[in-house]
Amino acid sequence: MGGLRNWAGNIEFGAEQLDVPESVLELQGLVAGSDKVRVLGTGHSFNRIADSPGRLVSIADLPQVLQIDEEASTVTISAGLRYGEVTAAVQAQGFALHNLGSLPHISVAGACATGTHGSGDTNKPLAAAVSGLAFISADGELTGLNRDDPDFAGAVISLGALGVMVRMRLDLQPAYEISQMVYDGLPVERLSSDLDEVFGSAYSVSAFTDWADPDVMVWRKSKDTTFEPEWLGARIADGPRHPIKVMPADFATQQGGVRGPWNERLPHFRLEFTPSNGEELQSEYFVPRDRAAEAFTELRALGNQMAGLLQVSEIRTIAADDLWLSPSQGRDTVALHFTWVPDQQAVMPVLAELEEKILPLGARPHWGKVFAADAGVLRDCYPKVPDFTALTTKYDPDGKFRNDYLETYLPR
């Protein structure tokens, strides 16, 4: 099975074969009969988290399930569905999810399993909407968990270590509309001095910088259509913007304050846009909100050193949650995202120095992206790691779903 790579192209999977079962029963048989197996989602991870020394399986061709329970305000879905597919369906029935990531192209199961989060002072990560799930465990049996089960908080963001997810139930709320306005020229020091005002100014807020430029671009996604022409020293952009300034904005979601459905505004990119391959690497770190200003100071000091390697850095906020491996577990969080040029050899030394500055502030690396930290650091960053590794032993005692990534970063 040579040549299969992830979305960015920096990882070539080493699995012996890729299976694409067409039924849950077929998938159960594949899992039961495999020594080693991992799930390949939409490939939007930037490290070896999805690789397997044995078999890869895709759940994309399983029978599609999308059942809305209007009375309970939930939707039950097949885990391989992508967010764009789910959100269009629930919007058509007058419902919504609380938040979305930048891309609607990613699978629901993969996004939740790795802690994808979106943005918003009051918005928890995407996985917080999960109220029930069903996965195939190591013996090929179907296991179901609900939010009131003691193992549930460890099973939602699972890194694929417990089994193969096949169904999920998500909480819904009434559909809402969003207006998106982009501002140019926010003075970078305002990120520290006016953190609460900047990120509390809309339902979902993203700030974009390269940490060297004195000006920051801010995307405000609001349920309120009122936007000031000038705000905290910034001004409304004179046209549509891409997060990376030099890129055309053709595939960005509607800006300019035009009101529209939540699922067409919360992502940064349109569903009909096909993401390009091989143009970037990504890293992300999550700092406690009360240490964010210190992190900004450290990153500004590294700004010139990152020049030529960093395409853009995005800053978002996440509300605290209780999921064990969540980057915002137990604390309100500021997410620091880095989009690098696709040169891992050049990026890694800068990444190591960056981590040296911000890990002491309580930063947590993103499970699915490029980082330099070792297992000891991750264990210190994520206090529920011991509970999670015990949970993997319970559901996968022989290590069927383990791979080099898990053995390296979550040894047991």
Protein backbone atom coordinates (compact mmCIF):
# COMPACT_ATOMS: atom_id res chain seq x y z
CA MET A 1 0.00 0.00 0.00
CA GLY A 2 2.69 2.47 -0.96
CA GLY A 3 2.18 6.15 -1.68
CA LEU A 4 -0.81 6.92 0.58
CA ARG A 5 -0.22 10.25 2.31
CA ASN A 6 -2.01 12.64 4.62
CA TRP A 7 -3.63 15.90 3.48
CA ALA A 8 -0.43 17.92 3.89
CA GLY A 9 1.73 15.28 2.23
CA ASN A 10 4.33 15.24 5.01
CA ILE A 11 3.34 11.73 6.19
CA GLU A 12 3.42 8.57 4.09
CA PHE A 13 1.44 5.87 5.84
CA GLY A 14 3.24 2.63 6.52
CA ALA A 15 0.23 0.34 6.87
CA GLU A 16 0.24 -2.93 4.96
CA GLN A 17 -3.25 -2.40 3.54
CA LEU A 18 -6.25 -0.05 3.47
CA ASP A 19 -9.76 -1.49 3.78
CA VAL A 20 -12.94 0.42 3.02
CA PRO A 21 -15.80 -1.70 4.44
CA GLU A 22 -19.35 -1.04 3.29
CA SER A 23 -21.18 -2.25 6.42
CA VAL A 24 -20.70 -2.18 10.15
CA LEU A 25 -20.83 -5.98 10.20
CA GLU A 26 -17.98 -6.15 7.68
CA LEU A 27 -16.02 -3.64 9.73
CA GLN A 28 -16.54 -5.68 12.90
CA GLY A 29 -15.09 -8.70 11.15
CA LEU A 30 -12.07 -6.72 9.94
CA VAL A 31 -11.37 -5.40 13.43
CA ALA A 32 -11.82 -8.78 15.11
CA GLY A 33 -9.52 -10.44 12.60
CA SER A 34 -6.70 -7.87 12.72
CA ASP A 35 -3.61 -7.82 14.90
CA LYS A 36 -3.14 -4.08 14.42
CA VAL A 37 -5.67 -1.60 13.03
CA ARG A 38 -6.18 2.16 12.91
CA VAL A 39 -8.79 4.40 11.31
CA LEU A 40 -7.90 6.74 8.46
CA GLY A 41 -10.21 9.74 8.42
CA THR A 42 -9.90 12.73 6.13
CA GLY A 43 -6.15 12.94 6.73
CA HIS A 44 -6.05 16.38 8.35
CA SER A 45 -3.49 15.40 10.97
CA PHE A 46 0.14 16.42 10.54
CA ASN A 47 1.92 13.64 12.44
CA ARG A 48 1.76 9.84 12.57
CA ILE A 49 -1.29 9.66 14.86
CA ALA A 50 -3.40 7.83 12.23
CA ASP A 51 -0.74 5.41 10.97
CA SER A 52 -0.76 1.68 11.65
CA PRO A 53 1.90 -1.04 11.51
CA GLY A 54 -0.83 -3.33 10.21
CA ARG A 55 -4.17 -2.36 8.68
CA LEU A 56 -5.82 0.99 8.03
CA VAL A 57 -9.60 1.16 7.67
CA SER A 58 -11.74 3.97 6.33
CA ILE A 59 -15.31 4.37 7.57
CA ALA A 60 -16.27 6.77 4.77
CA ASP A 61 -18.27 4.14 2.85
CA LEU A 62 -20.33 2.83 5.76
CA PRO A 63 -24.08 3.34 5.31
CA GLN A 64 -24.85 6.96 6.05
CA VAL A 65 -26.92 7.68 9.15
CA LEU A 66 -28.30 11.15 9.88
CA GLN A 67 -31.33 11.07 12.17
CA ILE A 68 -32.59 14.21 13.90
CA ASP A 69 -34.59 13.83 17.10
CA GLU A 70 -36.48 17.11 17.24
CA GLU A 71 -37.89 16.50 20.71
CA ALA A 72 -34.48 15.72 22.23
CA SER A 73 -32.63 18.29 20.04
CA THR A 74 -30.01 15.76 18.97
CA VAL A 75 -28.73 14.26 15.74
CA THR A 76 -27.37 10.71 15.43
CA ILE A 77 -24.85 10.33 12.62
CA SER A 78 -22.52 7.80 11.08
CA ALA A 79 -19.08 8.83 12.28
CA GLY A 80 -17.52 9.07 8.83
CA LEU A 81 -19.73 11.96 7.74
CA ARG A 82 -18.04 15.30 7.24
CA TYR A 83 -19.13 18.41 9.07
CA GLY A 84 -20.32 20.05 5.86
CA GLU A 85 -22.74 17.18 5.23
CA VAL A 86 -24.08 17.16 8.79
CA THR A 87 -24.44 20.91 9.17
CA ALA A 88 -26.36 21.36 5.92
CA ALA A 89 -28.86 18.70 7.02
CA VAL A 90 -29.45 20.03 10.52
CA GLN A 91 -29.67 23.63 9.24
CA ALA A 92 -32.37 22.54 6.79
CA GLN A 93 -34.39 21.25 9.76
CA GLY A 94 -33.98 24.45 11.78
CA PHE A 95 -31.17 23.25 14.05
CA ALA A 96 -27.50 24.07 14.59
CA LEU A 97 -24.32 22.97 16.33
CA HIS A 98 -22.74 25.28 18.87
CA ASN A 99 -19.52 25.74 16.93
CA LEU A 100 -17.45 24.62 13.93
CA GLY A 101 -13.82 24.39 12.92
CA SER A 102 -12.14 26.31 10.11
CA LEU A 103 -12.81 23.63 7.48
CA PRO A 104 -16.20 21.94 6.92
CA HIS A 105 -14.44 19.16 4.99
CA ILE A 106 -13.17 17.23 8.03
CA SER A 107 -14.91 14.15 9.40
CA VAL A 108 -16.91 14.48 12.60
CA ALA A 109 -15.25 11.46 14.22
CA GLY A 110 -11.72 12.55 13.38
CA ALA A 111 -12.26 16.14 14.47
CA CYS A 112 -13.75 15.11 17.80
CA ALA A 113 -11.15 12.40 18.43
CA THR A 114 -8.28 14.89 18.18
CA GLY A 115 -9.80 17.91 19.96
CA THR A 116 -10.71 20.27 17.10
CA HIS A 117 -12.21 23.33 18.69
CA GLY A 118 -13.38 26.37 16.70
CA SER A 119 -13.50 29.65 18.60
CA GLY A 120 -15.54 31.67 21.08
CA ASP A 121 -15.26 32.74 24.71
CA THR A 122 -18.37 30.71 25.59
CA ASN A 123 -17.82 27.90 23.09
CA LYS A 124 -16.40 24.56 24.18
CA PRO A 125 -14.58 22.35 21.61
CA LEU A 126 -16.53 20.46 18.98
CA ALA A 127 -16.36 17.23 20.97
CA ALA A 128 -18.35 18.86 23.78
CA ALA A 129 -21.48 18.49 21.61
CA VAL A 130 -21.14 14.69 21.68
CA SER A 131 -23.69 13.12 24.05
CA GLY A 132 -23.41 9.50 22.92
CA LEU A 133 -21.15 7.29 20.82
CA ALA A 134 -20.74 3.74 19.57
CA PHE A 135 -17.42 2.16 18.63
CA ILE A 136 -16.11 -1.25 17.67
CA SER A 137 -13.76 -2.46 20.39
CA ALA A 138 -10.83 -4.84 20.01
CA ASP A 139 -12.96 -8.01 20.06
CA GLY A 140 -15.12 -6.70 17.21
CA GLU A 141 -18.11 -6.00 19.44
CA LEU A 142 -20.07 -2.76 19.33
CA THR A 143 -19.72 -0.72 22.52
CA GLY A 144 -21.98 2.23 23.36
CA LEU A 145 -21.38 5.04 25.85
CA ASN A 146 -23.57 7.96 26.91
CA ARG A 147 -22.65 11.17 28.69
CA ASP A 148 -23.62 9.75 32.10
CA ASP A 149 -21.23 6.77 31.76
CA PRO A 150 -18.06 7.11 33.88
CA ASP A 151 -15.82 6.31 30.88
CA PHE A 152 -17.48 8.82 28.57
CA ALA A 153 -15.28 11.85 29.30
CA GLY A 154 -12.23 9.79 28.36
CA ALA A 155 -13.74 8.22 25.26
CA VAL A 156 -14.79 11.22 23.16
CA ILE A 157 -11.34 12.67 22.48
CA SER A 158 -9.76 9.24 22.20
CA LEU A 159 -7.05 9.60 19.52
CA GLY A 160 -8.42 6.39 18.03
CA ALA A 161 -6.98 4.39 20.93
CA LEU A 162 -10.20 2.73 22.14
CA GLY A 163 -11.65 1.40 18.92
CA VAL A 164 -13.27 2.31 15.61
CA MET A 165 -16.00 4.92 15.97
CA VAL A 166 -19.11 4.17 13.92
CA ARG A 167 -21.91 6.36 15.34
CA MET A 168 -22.16 9.56 17.35
CA ARG A 169 -24.99 11.57 18.85
CA LEU A 170 -24.59 15.35 18.90
CA ASP A 171 -26.50 17.99 20.85
CA LEU A 172 -28.32 20.55 18.74
CA GLN A 173 -29.69 24.02 19.36
CA PRO A 174 -32.05 26.24 17.35
CA ALA A 175 -30.57 27.48 14.08
CA TYR A 176 -29.06 30.97 14.15
CA GLU A 177 -27.51 33.43 11.74
CA ILE A 178 -24.05 34.91 11.74
CA SER A 179 -22.54 38.03 10.19
CA GLN A 180 -18.80 38.02 9.59
CA MET A 181 -16.73 41.18 9.50
CA VAL A 182 -12.99 41.39 9.01
CA TYR A 183 -10.93 44.18 10.57
CA ASP A 184 -7.45 45.24 9.50
CA GLY A 185 -4.83 46.98 11.59
CA LEU A 186 -5.54 45.99 15.18
CA PRO A 187 -2.37 47.04 17.07
CA VAL A 188 -0.69 43.82 18.21
CA GLU A 189 -0.32 45.08 21.77
CA ARG A 190 -4.13 45.17 22.03
CA LEU A 191 -4.12 41.38 22.11
CA SER A 192 -2.63 41.62 25.59
CA SER A 193 -4.06 44.87 26.93
CA ASP A 194 -7.60 44.26 25.62
CA LEU A 195 -7.78 40.46 25.44
CA ASP A 196 -11.29 40.24 26.89
CA GLU A 197 -12.63 43.04 24.71
CA VAL A 198 -11.10 41.63 21.51
CA PHE A 199 -12.25 38.05 21.94
CA GLY A 200 -15.52 38.90 23.66
CA SER A 201 -16.55 41.20 20.81
CA ALA A 202 -18.44 38.51 18.88
CA TYR A 203 -19.77 34.96 19.11
CA SER A 204 -16.60 33.64 17.46
CA VAL A 205 -13.38 35.62 17.00
CA SER A 206 -10.09 34.79 15.25
CA ALA A 207 -7.02 37.00 15.17
CA PHE A 208 -4.29 36.51 12.53
CA THR A 209 -0.69 37.66 12.84
CA ASP A 210 2.89 36.67 11.97
CA TRP A 211 4.13 37.99 15.36
CA ALA A 212 6.47 40.44 13.59
CA ASP A 213 3.95 42.79 11.96
CA PRO A 214 2.67 45.46 14.39
CA ASP A 215 -0.84 45.04 12.95
CA VAL A 216 -3.25 42.12 13.41
CA MET A 217 -6.21 41.05 11.25
CA VAL A 218 -9.35 40.07 13.19
CA TRP A 219 -12.34 38.07 11.95
CA ARG A 220 -15.46 38.72 14.05
CA LYS A 221 -18.38 36.31 13.57
CA SER A 222 -21.39 37.81 15.31
CA LYS A 223 -25.05 37.07 15.94
CA ASP A 224 -25.43 40.87 16.08
CA THR A 225 -25.17 42.62 12.71
CA THR A 226 -23.85 45.89 14.19
CA PHE A 227 -20.16 46.51 13.48
CA GLU A 228 -18.27 49.71 14.23
CA PRO A 229 -16.35 51.23 11.28
CA GLU A 230 -13.37 51.62 13.62
CA TRP A 231 -12.73 49.41 16.63
CA LEU A 232 -9.82 49.38 19.08
CA GLY A 233 -7.64 51.12 16.49
CA ALA A 234 -8.61 48.69 13.71
CA ARG A 235 -10.82 49.42 10.70
CA ILE A 236 -13.21 47.37 8.58
CA ALA A 237 -11.35 45.70 5.72
CA ASP A 238 -11.89 47.25 2.30
CA GLY A 239 -12.57 43.85 0.74
CA PRO A 240 -12.64 40.09 1.45
CA ARG A 241 -9.60 38.55 3.10
CA HIS A 242 -7.88 35.16 3.30
CA PRO A 243 -6.23 34.29 6.65
CA ILE A 244 -2.89 34.43 4.81
CA LYS A 245 -2.69 37.98 3.48
CA VAL A 246 -1.02 37.12 0.17
CA MET A 247 -3.63 34.48 -0.72
CA PRO A 248 -6.80 35.27 -2.72
CA ALA A 249 -10.01 35.25 -0.69
CA ASP A 250 -12.12 33.43 -3.31
CA PHE A 251 -12.74 30.39 -1.10
CA ALA A 252 -13.24 32.22 2.20
CA THR A 253 -16.71 32.32 3.70
CA GLN A 254 -18.84 35.43 3.13
CA GLN A 255 -17.51 38.54 4.83
CA GLY A 256 -18.54 42.20 4.84
CA GLY A 257 -21.21 41.79 7.51
CA VAL A 258 -23.61 39.89 5.23
CA ARG A 259 -25.96 37.88 7.41
CA GLY A 260 -26.24 34.15 6.70
CA PRO A 261 -26.70 30.68 8.21
CA TRP A 262 -24.29 29.66 10.97
CA ASN A 263 -22.89 26.75 8.93
CA GLU A 264 -21.89 29.11 6.10
CA ARG A 265 -20.15 31.66 8.35
CA LEU A 266 -18.48 29.89 11.30
CA PRO A 267 -15.95 28.02 9.11
CA HIS A 268 -13.28 30.15 7.47
CA PHE A 269 -13.63 28.32 4.15
CA ARG A 270 -16.57 27.40 1.96
CA LEU A 271 -17.72 23.78 1.68
CA GLU A 272 -17.45 23.86 -2.11
CA PHE A 273 -13.77 24.76 -1.78
CA THR A 274 -11.50 21.71 -2.10
CA PRO A 275 -8.53 22.17 0.26
CA SER A 276 -5.17 22.07 -1.46
CA ASN A 277 -2.53 19.51 -0.55
CA GLY A 278 1.09 19.82 0.46
CA GLU A 279 1.28 23.55 1.03
CA GLU A 280 1.69 23.72 4.81
CA LEU A 281 2.50 22.16 8.15
CA GLN A 282 0.53 23.03 11.26
CA SER A 283 1.27 23.27 14.98
CA GLU A 284 -0.99 24.42 17.77
CA TYR A 285 -0.61 25.12 21.47
CA PHE A 286 -3.23 25.86 24.10
CA VAL A 287 -2.37 28.19 26.98
CA PRO A 288 -4.46 29.00 30.04
CA ARG A 289 -6.35 32.20 29.32
CA ASP A 290 -4.74 33.97 32.28
CA ARG A 291 -1.25 33.27 30.83
CA ALA A 292 -2.06 34.37 27.28
CA ALA A 293 -0.50 37.84 27.56
CA GLU A 294 2.80 36.25 28.65
CA ALA A 295 2.66 33.88 25.68
CA PHE A 296 2.05 36.80 23.30
CA THR A 297 5.15 38.53 24.66
CA GLU A 298 7.29 35.45 24.05
CA LEU A 299 5.94 34.98 20.54
CA ARG A 300 6.55 38.60 19.58
CA ALA A 301 10.17 38.14 20.69
CA LEU A 302 10.40 35.17 18.29
CA GLY A 303 8.64 36.95 15.43
CA ASN A 304 11.72 37.70 13.34
CA GLN A 305 13.10 34.22 13.91
CA MET A 306 9.89 32.69 12.51
CA ALA A 307 10.00 34.91 9.41
CA GLY A 308 10.20 32.90 6.21
CA LEU A 309 8.84 29.79 7.92
CA LEU A 310 5.55 31.00 9.42
CA GLN A 311 2.76 31.65 6.93
CA VAL A 312 0.30 32.84 9.58
CA SER A 313 -0.59 32.37 13.25
CA GLU A 314 -4.21 32.30 14.41
CA ILE A 315 -5.38 33.10 17.93
CA ARG A 316 -8.73 31.80 19.21
CA THR A 317 -10.44 31.27 22.56
CA ILE A 318 -12.11 28.13 23.95
CA ALA A 319 -14.32 27.65 26.99
CA ALA A 320 -13.32 25.08 29.61
CA ASP A 321 -14.68 21.52 29.35
CA ASP A 322 -14.31 18.21 31.19
CA LEU A 323 -13.12 15.85 28.42
CA TRP A 324 -9.92 14.13 29.56
CA LEU A 325 -7.64 14.79 26.59
CA SER A 326 -9.20 18.08 25.57
CA PRO A 327 -6.77 20.99 25.14
CA SER A 328 -9.22 23.07 27.20
CA GLN A 329 -9.89 20.45 29.87
CA GLY A 330 -10.43 22.19 33.19
CA ARG A 331 -9.59 25.72 32.07
CA ASP A 332 -10.60 28.56 29.77
CA THR A 333 -8.02 28.53 27.01
CA VAL A 334 -6.37 30.60 24.31
CA ALA A 335 -5.33 28.58 21.24
CA LEU A 336 -2.18 29.56 19.35
CA HIS A 337 -2.18 28.06 15.88
CA PHE A 338 0.81 28.13 13.50
CA THR A 339 0.71 27.45 9.76
CA TRP A 340 4.25 26.79 8.55
CA VAL A 341 5.83 26.32 5.15
CA PRO A 342 6.11 22.59 4.26
CA ASP A 343 9.72 22.19 5.42
CA GLN A 344 9.71 20.14 8.61
CA GLN A 345 13.49 20.04 8.90
CA ALA A 346 13.64 23.84 8.99
CA VAL A 347 10.56 24.23 11.19
CA MET A 348 11.48 21.82 13.99
CA PRO A 349 14.36 23.85 15.56
CA VAL A 350 12.13 26.94 15.70
CA LEU A 351 9.32 24.85 17.12
CA ALA A 352 11.61 23.53 19.86
CA GLU A 353 12.56 27.06 20.85
CA LEU A 354 8.93 28.16 20.75
CA GLU A 355 7.99 25.31 23.08
CA GLU A 356 10.83 26.22 25.41
CA LYS A 357 9.18 29.62 25.84
CA ILE A 358 5.51 28.70 26.14
CA LEU A 359 5.38 25.21 27.67
CA PRO A 360 6.38 26.66 31.08
CA LEU A 361 3.25 28.82 30.82
CA GLY A 362 1.11 25.68 30.80
CA ALA A 363 0.79 25.31 27.01
CA ARG A 364 -0.59 22.02 25.74
CA PRO A 365 0.45 20.76 22.26
CA HIS A 366 -2.29 19.70 19.85
CA TRP A 367 -2.43 15.91 19.57
CA GLY A 368 -2.78 15.86 15.78
CA LYS A 369 -0.22 18.45 14.75
CA VAL A 370 3.54 18.89 14.63
CA PHE A 371 5.26 19.34 18.01
CA ALA A 372 8.64 18.66 19.61
CA ALA A 373 7.51 17.73 23.14
CA ASP A 374 8.08 14.22 24.51
CA ALA A 375 5.84 11.88 26.50
CA GLY A 376 6.88 13.32 29.85
CA VAL A 377 5.92 16.82 28.79
CA LEU A 378 2.56 15.66 27.47
CA ARG A 379 1.85 13.78 30.69
CA ASP A 380 2.53 16.96 32.65
CA CYS A 381 0.48 19.11 30.25
CA TYR A 382 -2.57 16.85 30.26
CA PRO A 383 -3.35 15.83 33.86
CA LYS A 384 -5.82 13.09 32.87
CA VAL A 385 -3.28 11.12 30.78
CA PRO A 386 -2.88 8.39 33.45
CA ASP A 387 -6.66 7.89 33.56
CA PHE A 388 -6.79 7.75 29.77
CA THR A 389 -4.01 5.17 29.43
CA ALA A 390 -5.83 3.02 31.99
CA LEU A 391 -8.96 3.37 29.88
CA THR A 392 -7.12 2.17 26.77
CA THR A 393 -6.04 -0.92 28.70
CA LYS A 394 -9.65 -1.61 29.64
CA TYR A 395 -11.00 -1.44 26.07
CA ASP A 396 -7.89 -2.59 24.18
CA PRO A 397 -5.90 -4.84 26.55
CA ASP A 398 -3.68 -6.33 23.82
CA GLY A 399 -2.92 -3.03 22.07
CA LYS A 400 -4.72 -3.74 18.79
CA PHE A 401 -5.29 -0.01 18.18
CA ARG A 402 -1.88 1.11 19.33
CA ASN A 403 0.79 2.39 16.96
CA ASP A 404 4.20 4.05 17.22
CA TYR A 405 2.59 7.40 18.00
CA LEU A 406 0.69 6.06 21.01
CA GLU A 407 3.66 4.00 22.21
CA THR A 408 5.83 7.12 22.06
CA TYR A 409 3.51 9.73 23.58
CA LEU A 410 1.03 7.72 25.64
CA PRO A 411 2.99 4.67 26.80
CA ARG A 412 1.34 2.32 29.27
